[in-house]
């Protein structure tokens, strides 16, 4: 066996000192400096005792990493992009990749927490300078979710097998958005790969909600999450910051009983896939319907933790041929149920599709993994945690 083509003999190198590949970094770095990113890192991140001077000039090093990520770097070696072409003429204090790698590996978990604090404080400032998150909108959505980032090889600290059955590290993010702006990441946390999806969600949510309020947002906040985050701790975190919640719920025994108790005439067809609007009857003809009922959750916990709110159910007809054999009509409808537990004040027809907007986080994950989070580049867990924090900032 042999390859059918010759190896490449030419490659492109951007090394002309008079050319600038990433001129867009100029306004980006100016904004970061104007909003105090270097000053916040210098104030909050104290890598005292780090060997080989790794803890010195933390502000310049953090800004170098963020700048490299904005320019497309997704590994420590790629951070050298800031020293290509004419970029050294535009920016001073850019550190070499080896120096930045040593800096990241000097982090302990306490230092990561310091960096997270600096980044949360920084996030509030671009919001004030640029209107990144409009403060005048009626409703603000805070979404929390997690994802397993696959890694290859057992050498990375914390890498293990979780629900995906693949070796990886498990990270959480929290975003804020309104109907007129894209999601903005306000909090992150890296966990080991085997961590439960909802582990630590309540504490991370508290930090995120405090950041959102610090942005000057006084509007109604609705926290959205999937069923992995359905817990009394998450509900308590929401209520502690005056936020409402909209949490997906796994369909288990008590939920099935609550669904079965909903009257047949309580279901309302909604706009959904293949639905048709009947102009004469003023209603949707659809394979999806919604209804709601009161429900008390967390009854296995102490009575003070019991929470009564709305159980909103969307049921969708099963149209799979396995449910309706060929040549036969259905004897009775078979449904899939999707359940939300919420204390939202919105009417049923608005509250249910509003929760579906939680899917916007999938695009945030895709954008992260298509840029700075294409890799978790270090073998050290805390270095990767710091990398995640800076990636969310970029």
Protein backbone atom coordinates (compact mmCIF):
# COMPACT_ATOMS: atom_id res chain seq x y z
CA UNK A 1 0.00 0.00 0.00
CA UNK A 2 1.25 3.52 -0.77
CA UNK A 3 -0.15 7.01 -0.83
CA UNK A 4 -1.48 8.18 -4.17
CA UNK A 5 -0.05 11.69 -4.08
CA UNK A 6 3.17 13.47 -3.15
CA UNK A 7 3.45 15.39 0.12
CA UNK A 8 3.05 19.15 0.00
CA UNK A 9 6.20 20.98 -0.98
CA UNK A 10 4.90 24.51 -0.50
CA UNK A 11 3.38 26.20 2.50
CA UNK A 12 2.31 29.76 3.27
CA UNK A 13 3.92 31.84 6.01
CA UNK A 14 2.64 35.27 7.01
CA UNK A 15 5.93 36.87 8.04
CA UNK A 16 6.13 40.19 6.17
CA UNK A 17 6.75 42.86 8.86
CA UNK A 18 4.77 45.41 6.87
CA UNK A 19 1.54 43.40 6.68
CA UNK A 20 -1.15 43.02 9.34
CA UNK A 21 -3.30 39.89 9.24
CA UNK A 22 -5.65 40.78 12.09
CA UNK A 23 -6.30 44.51 12.00
CA UNK A 24 -9.65 43.88 13.71
CA UNK A 25 -7.71 43.27 16.91
CA UNK A 26 -7.04 47.00 17.26
CA UNK A 27 -10.59 48.08 18.28
CA UNK A 28 -11.08 44.82 20.20
CA UNK A 29 -7.99 45.29 22.37
CA UNK A 30 -8.75 48.99 22.82
CA UNK A 31 -12.22 48.11 24.08
CA UNK A 32 -10.78 45.48 26.45
CA UNK A 33 -8.32 48.01 27.87
CA UNK A 34 -10.95 50.76 28.11
CA UNK A 35 -13.23 48.39 30.01
CA UNK A 36 -10.42 47.53 32.40
CA UNK A 37 -9.61 43.89 31.57
CA UNK A 38 -5.87 44.18 32.35
CA UNK A 39 -6.52 46.20 35.51
CA UNK A 40 -9.09 43.70 36.79
CA UNK A 41 -6.74 40.75 36.20
CA UNK A 42 -3.88 42.62 37.91
CA UNK A 43 -6.15 43.42 40.86
CA UNK A 44 -7.75 40.02 41.37
CA UNK A 45 -5.35 37.35 40.06
CA UNK A 46 -2.42 36.88 42.43
CA UNK A 47 -0.20 33.97 41.44
CA UNK A 48 2.13 34.45 44.38
CA UNK A 49 4.81 31.85 44.82
CA UNK A 50 4.68 30.64 41.21
CA UNK A 51 8.04 29.36 39.98
CA UNK A 52 10.12 30.88 37.17
CA UNK A 53 8.25 34.16 37.33
CA UNK A 54 5.07 32.55 35.97
CA UNK A 55 2.90 34.81 38.11
CA UNK A 56 4.37 38.12 36.99
CA UNK A 57 2.51 40.44 34.60
CA UNK A 58 -0.69 38.40 34.81
CA UNK A 59 -2.56 41.27 33.15
CA UNK A 60 -0.35 41.29 30.03
CA UNK A 61 -0.42 37.51 29.78
CA UNK A 62 -4.20 37.24 30.13
CA UNK A 63 -4.70 39.93 27.48
CA UNK A 64 -2.23 38.14 25.17
CA UNK A 65 -4.24 34.92 25.48
CA UNK A 66 -7.56 36.67 24.86
CA UNK A 67 -6.09 38.55 21.89
CA UNK A 68 -4.70 35.34 20.43
CA UNK A 69 -8.06 33.62 20.82
CA UNK A 70 -9.82 36.50 19.05
CA UNK A 71 -7.29 36.11 16.23
CA UNK A 72 -8.19 32.42 15.90
CA UNK A 73 -5.84 30.58 18.27
CA UNK A 74 -7.24 27.34 19.69
CA UNK A 75 -4.06 26.01 21.32
CA UNK A 76 -1.15 27.41 23.29
CA UNK A 77 1.23 27.22 20.32
CA UNK A 78 -1.28 29.09 18.16
CA UNK A 79 -1.01 32.12 20.46
CA UNK A 80 2.15 32.98 18.53
CA UNK A 81 -0.21 34.48 15.91
CA UNK A 82 0.16 37.81 17.74
CA UNK A 83 3.83 37.95 16.81
CA UNK A 84 3.36 37.39 13.06
CA UNK A 85 3.76 40.03 10.39
CA UNK A 86 3.33 43.60 11.53
CA UNK A 87 1.34 42.86 14.70
CA UNK A 88 4.33 43.47 17.05
CA UNK A 89 4.33 47.08 15.79
CA UNK A 90 0.74 47.51 16.99
CA UNK A 91 0.84 45.75 20.35
CA UNK A 92 3.42 45.78 23.11
CA UNK A 93 3.80 43.29 25.91
CA UNK A 94 2.85 40.24 23.83
CA UNK A 95 4.26 37.09 25.47
CA UNK A 96 5.62 34.01 23.73
CA UNK A 97 3.45 30.85 23.71
CA UNK A 98 5.89 29.06 26.02
CA UNK A 99 5.56 31.88 28.55
CA UNK A 100 1.77 31.82 28.31
CA UNK A 101 1.72 28.04 28.73
CA UNK A 102 3.85 28.34 31.89
CA UNK A 103 1.47 31.05 33.14
CA UNK A 104 -1.59 28.83 32.66
CA UNK A 105 0.05 25.83 34.30
CA UNK A 106 0.84 27.95 37.38
CA UNK A 107 -2.88 28.27 38.17
CA UNK A 108 -4.38 26.52 41.17
CA UNK A 109 -8.14 26.21 41.63
CA UNK A 110 -8.07 29.31 43.82
CA UNK A 111 -6.39 31.26 41.04
CA UNK A 112 -9.01 30.04 38.57
CA UNK A 113 -11.70 31.39 40.88
CA UNK A 114 -9.86 34.72 41.01
CA UNK A 115 -9.76 34.81 37.20
CA UNK A 116 -13.48 33.95 37.00
CA UNK A 117 -14.22 36.85 39.37
CA UNK A 118 -12.20 39.21 37.18
CA UNK A 119 -13.96 38.03 34.03
CA UNK A 120 -17.43 38.44 35.58
CA UNK A 121 -16.56 41.99 36.61
CA UNK A 122 -15.21 42.67 33.12
CA UNK A 123 -18.35 41.34 31.44
CA UNK A 124 -20.41 44.06 33.11
CA UNK A 125 -18.29 46.82 31.59
CA UNK A 126 -18.67 46.12 27.84
CA UNK A 127 -22.39 45.83 28.53
CA UNK A 128 -22.34 49.42 29.82
CA UNK A 129 -20.00 50.73 27.08
CA UNK A 130 -21.59 49.07 24.05
CA UNK A 131 -25.13 48.07 24.98
CA UNK A 132 -24.06 44.44 24.60
CA UNK A 133 -27.12 43.38 26.63
CA UNK A 134 -30.01 45.87 26.40
CA UNK A 135 -31.21 46.89 29.85
CA UNK A 136 -34.54 48.23 28.65
CA UNK A 137 -36.04 44.96 27.38
CA UNK A 138 -39.04 43.61 29.23
CA UNK A 139 -37.71 40.07 29.76
CA UNK A 140 -34.16 38.76 30.10
CA UNK A 141 -33.35 35.07 29.69
CA UNK A 142 -30.56 33.36 31.62
CA UNK A 143 -29.73 29.91 30.26
CA UNK A 144 -27.56 27.27 31.91
CA UNK A 145 -26.32 24.06 30.31
CA UNK A 146 -23.32 21.75 30.20
CA UNK A 147 -21.37 19.84 27.60
CA UNK A 148 -18.70 17.15 27.59
CA UNK A 149 -15.64 18.22 25.61
CA UNK A 150 -13.99 15.04 24.26
CA UNK A 151 -10.27 14.61 24.87
CA UNK A 152 -7.96 11.94 23.52
CA UNK A 153 -5.63 10.02 25.78
CA UNK A 154 -5.69 9.55 29.55
CA UNK A 155 -2.99 12.14 30.36
CA UNK A 156 -5.31 15.12 30.94
CA UNK A 157 -6.17 15.63 34.59
CA UNK A 158 -9.87 15.13 35.30
CA UNK A 159 -10.60 13.45 31.97
CA UNK A 160 -12.98 10.55 32.47
CA UNK A 161 -16.07 8.87 31.08
CA UNK A 162 -19.53 10.31 31.69
CA UNK A 163 -22.96 9.97 30.15
CA UNK A 164 -21.54 10.33 26.61
CA UNK A 165 -19.40 7.20 27.12
CA UNK A 166 -16.44 9.16 25.74
CA UNK A 167 -13.40 10.37 27.66
CA UNK A 168 -13.66 14.10 28.21
CA UNK A 169 -13.94 17.11 30.50
CA UNK A 170 -17.38 18.43 31.43
CA UNK A 171 -17.95 22.20 31.41
CA UNK A 172 -20.93 24.40 32.29
CA UNK A 173 -21.80 27.80 30.89
CA UNK A 174 -24.44 30.39 31.72
CA UNK A 175 -25.56 32.95 29.15
CA UNK A 176 -27.79 36.01 29.19
CA UNK A 177 -29.89 37.15 26.24
CA UNK A 178 -32.97 39.17 25.37
CA UNK A 179 -35.28 39.15 22.38
CA UNK A 180 -33.05 41.76 20.72
CA UNK A 181 -29.52 40.49 21.42
CA UNK A 182 -27.45 37.35 20.99
CA UNK A 183 -26.45 35.21 24.01
CA UNK A 184 -23.54 36.54 26.09
CA UNK A 185 -21.59 34.15 28.35
CA UNK A 186 -21.56 35.41 31.94
CA UNK A 187 -20.20 32.41 33.87
CA UNK A 188 -18.28 29.19 33.22
CA UNK A 189 -17.01 26.23 35.19
CA UNK A 190 -14.92 23.20 34.26
CA UNK A 191 -15.59 19.85 35.96
CA UNK A 192 -14.18 16.36 35.55
CA UNK A 193 -15.66 14.28 32.74
CA UNK A 194 -17.75 12.03 34.97
CA UNK A 195 -19.47 14.93 36.75
CA UNK A 196 -23.26 14.93 36.72
CA UNK A 197 -24.69 17.55 34.34
CA UNK A 198 -26.37 19.46 37.16
CA UNK A 199 -23.49 19.29 39.66
CA UNK A 200 -22.67 22.77 40.98
CA UNK A 201 -25.39 24.37 38.85
CA UNK A 202 -26.99 26.31 41.72
CA UNK A 203 -23.75 27.97 42.86
CA UNK A 204 -22.75 28.84 39.29
CA UNK A 205 -26.22 30.25 38.68
CA UNK A 206 -25.97 32.47 41.76
CA UNK A 207 -22.74 33.96 40.44
CA UNK A 208 -24.26 34.46 37.00
CA UNK A 209 -27.42 36.12 38.29
CA UNK A 210 -25.37 38.47 40.47
CA UNK A 211 -23.39 39.42 37.34
CA UNK A 212 -26.56 40.01 35.33
CA UNK A 213 -27.94 42.30 38.03
CA UNK A 214 -24.57 44.09 38.18
CA UNK A 215 -24.99 44.88 34.48
CA UNK A 216 -27.83 47.18 35.48
CA UNK A 217 -30.59 44.84 34.34
CA UNK A 218 -33.72 45.34 36.41
CA UNK A 219 -36.15 43.55 34.06
CA UNK A 220 -37.80 40.24 34.80
CA UNK A 221 -35.27 37.40 34.56
CA UNK A 222 -36.33 33.92 33.50
CA UNK A 223 -33.84 31.11 34.09
CA UNK A 224 -34.13 28.29 31.56
CA UNK A 225 -32.54 24.87 31.87
CA UNK A 226 -32.98 21.25 30.82
CA UNK A 227 -34.11 18.43 33.09
CA UNK A 228 -30.57 17.77 34.39
CA UNK A 229 -30.85 21.06 36.29
CA UNK A 230 -34.29 20.40 37.78
CA UNK A 231 -33.63 20.70 41.52
CA UNK A 232 -34.75 22.64 44.57
CA UNK A 233 -31.27 24.18 44.77
CA UNK A 234 -31.65 25.75 41.33
CA UNK A 235 -35.12 27.04 42.24
CA UNK A 236 -33.74 28.54 45.47
CA UNK A 237 -30.91 30.24 43.54
CA UNK A 238 -33.46 31.78 41.15
CA UNK A 239 -35.68 33.09 43.93
CA UNK A 240 -32.72 34.48 45.89
CA UNK A 241 -32.08 36.88 42.99
CA UNK A 242 -35.71 37.64 42.16
CA UNK A 243 -35.67 35.50 39.02
CA UNK A 244 -38.33 33.16 37.72
CA UNK A 245 -37.56 29.67 36.46
CA UNK A 246 -38.51 27.52 33.48
CA UNK A 247 -37.05 24.04 33.95
CA UNK A 248 -37.56 20.96 31.82
CA UNK A 249 -38.66 17.89 33.77
CA UNK A 250 -38.00 14.21 33.10
CA UNK A 251 -41.23 12.28 32.54
CA UNK A 252 -41.32 9.92 35.52
CA UNK A 253 -44.11 8.33 37.56
CA UNK A 254 -45.44 11.45 39.34
CA UNK A 255 -45.25 13.49 36.15
CA UNK A 256 -47.11 10.81 34.19
CA UNK A 257 -49.81 10.84 36.86
CA UNK A 258 -50.12 14.61 36.62
CA UNK A 259 -50.36 14.41 32.81
CA UNK A 260 -53.02 11.70 33.01
CA UNK A 261 -55.12 13.96 35.26
CA UNK A 262 -55.33 16.71 32.61
CA UNK A 263 -58.79 16.80 31.04
CA UNK A 264 -59.09 15.93 27.36
CA UNK A 265 -60.65 19.29 26.54
CA UNK A 266 -57.79 21.21 28.19
CA UNK A 267 -55.38 20.59 25.32
CA UNK A 268 -54.81 23.38 22.79
CA UNK A 269 -53.20 22.81 19.35
CA UNK A 270 -50.13 24.99 18.71
CA UNK A 271 -48.00 26.12 15.81
CA UNK A 272 -45.49 23.34 15.32
CA UNK A 273 -43.94 21.27 12.54
CA UNK A 274 -46.45 20.74 9.66
CA UNK A 275 -49.18 22.67 11.52
CA UNK A 276 -51.85 24.51 9.48
CA UNK A 277 -53.81 27.61 10.51
CA UNK A 278 -57.58 27.25 10.05
CA UNK A 279 -58.77 30.79 9.31
CA UNK A 280 -62.46 29.94 9.71
CA UNK A 281 -62.15 28.25 13.10
CA UNK A 282 -59.29 30.56 14.24
CA UNK A 283 -57.12 27.69 15.47
CA UNK A 284 -54.15 25.59 14.58
CA UNK A 285 -54.57 22.12 13.13
CA UNK A 286 -51.47 20.48 14.50
CA UNK A 287 -49.89 17.26 15.71
CA UNK A 288 -48.76 19.11 18.84
CA UNK A 289 -50.89 20.37 21.74
CA UNK A 290 -50.22 22.07 25.05
CA UNK A 291 -51.92 22.15 28.44
CA UNK A 292 -51.02 23.04 32.01
CA UNK A 293 -51.81 22.01 35.56
CA UNK A 294 -50.64 23.00 39.04
CA UNK A 295 -47.91 20.77 40.44
CA UNK A 296 -45.90 20.54 43.65
CA UNK A 297 -42.30 19.48 43.10
CA UNK A 298 -39.57 18.15 45.42
CA UNK A 299 -42.06 16.49 47.78
CA UNK A 300 -39.40 13.99 48.82
CA UNK A 301 -37.43 16.85 50.39
CA UNK A 302 -38.16 18.81 53.57
CA UNK A 303 -41.53 20.57 53.50
CA UNK A 304 -39.91 24.00 53.32
CA UNK A 305 -38.38 22.98 49.98
CA UNK A 306 -41.68 21.92 48.40
CA UNK A 307 -42.42 24.18 45.42
CA UNK A 308 -45.81 24.63 43.79
CA UNK A 309 -45.86 26.11 40.30
CA UNK A 310 -47.17 25.44 36.80
CA UNK A 311 -46.59 22.18 34.98
CA UNK A 312 -46.73 22.95 31.26
CA UNK A 313 -46.96 19.92 28.99
CA UNK A 314 -46.47 19.74 25.22
CA UNK A 315 -47.60 16.52 23.65
CA UNK A 316 -46.63 15.55 20.11
CA UNK A 317 -48.23 12.71 18.15
CA UNK A 318 -46.06 9.72 17.48
CA UNK A 319 -46.20 9.35 13.70
CA UNK A 320 -43.56 6.66 13.50
CA UNK A 321 -44.76 3.64 11.47
CA UNK A 322 -44.00 1.47 14.49
CA UNK A 323 -46.90 3.22 16.25
CA UNK A 324 -49.27 3.08 13.27
CA UNK A 325 -48.69 -0.13 11.25
CA UNK A 326 -48.95 0.18 7.47
CA UNK A 327 -52.48 -0.23 6.18
CA UNK A 328 -54.10 0.50 9.51
CA UNK A 329 -55.50 3.70 10.97
CA UNK A 330 -54.71 4.50 14.58
CA UNK A 331 -57.14 3.19 17.19
CA UNK A 332 -56.07 5.94 19.58
CA UNK A 333 -53.42 8.64 19.52
CA UNK A 334 -50.00 7.91 20.98
CA UNK A 335 -48.08 10.90 22.30
CA UNK A 336 -44.61 11.98 23.31
CA UNK A 337 -44.64 14.41 26.23
CA UNK A 338 -42.28 17.32 26.93
CA UNK A 339 -42.74 18.89 30.36
CA UNK A 340 -41.75 22.26 31.85
CA UNK A 341 -41.98 23.31 35.48
CA UNK A 342 -42.24 27.09 35.70
CA UNK A 343 -43.44 30.00 37.79
CA UNK A 344 -43.50 32.27 34.73
CA UNK A 345 -46.34 34.79 34.68
CA UNK A 346 -46.80 34.49 30.92
CA UNK A 347 -49.90 32.89 29.44
CA UNK A 348 -49.64 29.27 28.33
CA UNK A 349 -49.37 30.07 24.60
CA UNK A 350 -46.31 32.28 25.28
CA UNK A 351 -44.65 30.40 28.14
CA UNK A 352 -44.23 27.11 26.26
CA UNK A 353 -42.47 28.41 23.10
CA UNK A 354 -40.49 30.80 25.31
CA UNK A 355 -38.85 27.81 26.99
CA UNK A 356 -37.96 26.28 23.62
CA UNK A 357 -35.69 29.27 23.07
CA UNK A 358 -33.30 27.57 25.51
CA UNK A 359 -31.97 25.73 22.45
CA UNK A 360 -29.97 28.88 21.60
CA UNK A 361 -27.22 27.44 23.83
CA UNK A 362 -26.47 24.81 21.21
CA UNK A 363 -25.25 27.57 18.90
CA UNK A 364 -23.11 29.00 21.71
CA UNK A 365 -21.48 25.59 22.21
CA UNK A 366 -20.92 25.29 18.46
CA UNK A 367 -19.31 28.74 18.28
CA UNK A 368 -17.00 27.96 21.21
CA UNK A 369 -15.89 24.66 19.74
CA UNK A 370 -15.33 26.28 16.35
CA UNK A 371 -12.96 28.80 17.90
CA UNK A 372 -10.94 28.98 21.12
CA UNK A 373 -12.48 25.85 22.67
CA UNK A 374 -11.64 23.55 19.77
CA UNK A 375 -9.17 22.07 22.26
CA UNK A 376 -8.54 22.04 25.98
CA UNK A 377 -4.83 22.41 25.33
CA UNK A 378 -3.11 21.53 28.59
CA UNK A 379 -2.59 18.33 30.53
CA UNK A 380 -3.29 20.22 33.76
CA UNK A 381 -6.91 20.60 34.85
CA UNK A 382 -6.60 24.10 36.31
CA UNK A 383 -4.79 25.37 33.19
CA UNK A 384 -7.73 24.14 31.10
CA UNK A 385 -10.17 25.77 33.52
CA UNK A 386 -8.36 29.10 33.07
CA UNK A 387 -8.36 28.56 29.30
CA UNK A 388 -12.14 28.01 29.35
CA UNK A 389 -12.67 31.21 31.34
CA UNK A 390 -10.60 33.27 28.90
CA UNK A 391 -12.22 31.57 25.89
CA UNK A 392 -15.66 32.63 27.13
CA UNK A 393 -14.39 36.20 27.47
CA UNK A 394 -13.01 36.30 23.93
